[in-house]
Protein backbone atom coordinates (compact mmCIF):
# COMPACT_ATOMS: atom_id res chain seq x y z
CA MET A 1 -118.71 86.39 53.98
CA PRO A 2 -115.40 86.23 52.17
CA ILE A 3 -113.39 83.03 52.34
CA TYR A 4 -109.61 83.03 52.09
CA ALA A 5 -107.42 80.03 51.27
CA LYS A 6 -103.77 79.58 52.03
CA PRO A 7 -101.87 78.82 48.81
CA ASN A 8 -100.71 75.21 48.48
CA SER A 9 -102.71 74.21 51.54
CA PRO A 10 -106.27 73.09 52.26
CA VAL A 11 -106.55 75.62 55.11
CA THR A 12 -109.28 78.25 54.72
CA LYS A 13 -110.44 81.20 56.82
CA GLU A 14 -113.88 82.75 56.72
CA VAL A 15 -114.23 86.41 57.64
CA ASN A 16 -117.59 87.29 59.17
CA ASN A 17 -118.11 90.91 58.11
CA VAL A 18 -121.03 91.40 60.50
CA GLY A 19 -118.90 89.99 63.31
CA VAL A 20 -116.14 92.46 62.49
CA PHE A 21 -118.60 95.35 62.55
CA ILE A 22 -120.12 94.28 65.86
CA GLY A 23 -116.68 93.58 67.33
CA VAL A 24 -115.47 97.08 66.55
CA MET A 25 -118.70 98.63 67.84
CA LEU A 26 -118.50 96.75 71.15
CA LEU A 27 -114.75 96.64 71.76
CA GLY A 28 -113.38 99.57 69.77
CA PRO A 29 -109.58 99.61 69.67
CA VAL A 30 -109.34 96.39 71.72
CA PHE A 31 -110.83 94.48 68.77
CA PHE A 32 -107.84 95.35 66.60
CA LEU A 33 -105.42 94.34 69.33
CA CYS A 34 -107.16 90.96 69.64
CA THR A 35 -106.98 90.38 65.88
CA GLY A 36 -103.29 91.26 65.73
CA MET A 37 -103.69 94.56 63.91
CA VAL A 38 -101.53 96.72 66.16
CA GLY A 39 -101.34 99.66 63.76
CA HIS A 40 -105.11 99.98 63.63
CA PHE A 41 -105.26 99.52 67.40
CA ILE A 42 -102.99 102.52 67.91
CA PHE A 43 -104.78 104.64 65.29
CA SER A 44 -108.28 103.88 66.60
CA LEU A 45 -107.12 104.45 70.18
CA ILE A 46 -105.79 107.88 69.20
CA LEU A 47 -109.07 108.65 67.39
CA THR A 48 -111.01 107.61 70.47
CA LEU A 49 -108.90 109.72 72.81
CA VAL A 50 -108.71 112.82 70.62
CA ILE A 51 -112.16 112.85 69.01
CA GLY A 52 -114.31 110.32 70.84
CA ILE A 53 -113.86 111.47 74.43
CA PRO A 54 -114.77 115.12 73.71
CA LEU A 55 -117.82 113.91 71.75
CA TRP A 56 -119.03 111.92 74.77
CA ALA A 57 -119.81 115.27 76.42
CA PHE A 58 -122.64 115.49 73.87
CA GLY A 59 -123.45 111.76 73.91
CA LEU A 60 -121.91 111.24 70.47
CA GLY A 61 -118.65 109.46 71.29
CA TRP A 62 -119.95 106.22 69.81
CA LEU A 63 -119.86 107.83 66.35
CA VAL A 64 -116.08 107.36 66.15
CA TRP A 65 -116.38 103.58 66.49
CA PHE A 66 -119.47 103.50 64.28
CA PHE A 67 -117.71 105.09 61.29
CA TYR A 68 -114.47 103.20 61.92
CA ALA A 69 -116.42 99.92 62.02
CA PHE A 70 -117.40 100.30 58.36
CA TRP A 71 -113.75 100.67 57.35
CA ALA A 72 -112.68 97.87 59.68
CA ILE A 73 -114.36 95.30 57.45
CA SER A 74 -112.04 96.14 54.55
CA PHE A 75 -109.05 96.37 56.92
CA VAL A 76 -109.59 92.83 58.19
CA ASN A 77 -110.14 91.48 54.67
CA GLN A 78 -106.99 93.24 53.47
CA LYS A 79 -105.06 91.71 56.37
CA TRP A 80 -105.53 88.23 54.91
CA LEU A 81 -104.58 89.36 51.41
CA ASP A 82 -101.41 91.01 52.76
CA LYS A 83 -100.46 87.72 54.43
CA GLY A 84 -100.55 86.03 51.01
CA TRP A 85 -103.92 84.31 51.30
CA ILE A 86 -106.16 84.13 48.22
CA ARG A 87 -109.84 85.05 48.20
CA VAL A 88 -111.87 82.05 47.03
CA ASP A 89 -115.52 83.05 47.34
CA PRO A 90 -117.89 80.43 45.94
């Protein structure tokens, strides 16, 4: 689990990669809205509507969230780096 520290501050954030994966699998686009990643919310919602819903006719709609969940881990980690936080893994 990566740990991020705010420069010039003792504040740290720990990103639970398994939690991110499970969150995306269970909540889909809503997960990104809850974490403040509006761009990924819109993109994953479009993927769900355009690709996921037709796949549900064959019972495969969950595949959209499954594959997106693997990328979501790096998206959430990149979010902290973009905000200026520094990765300080022990």
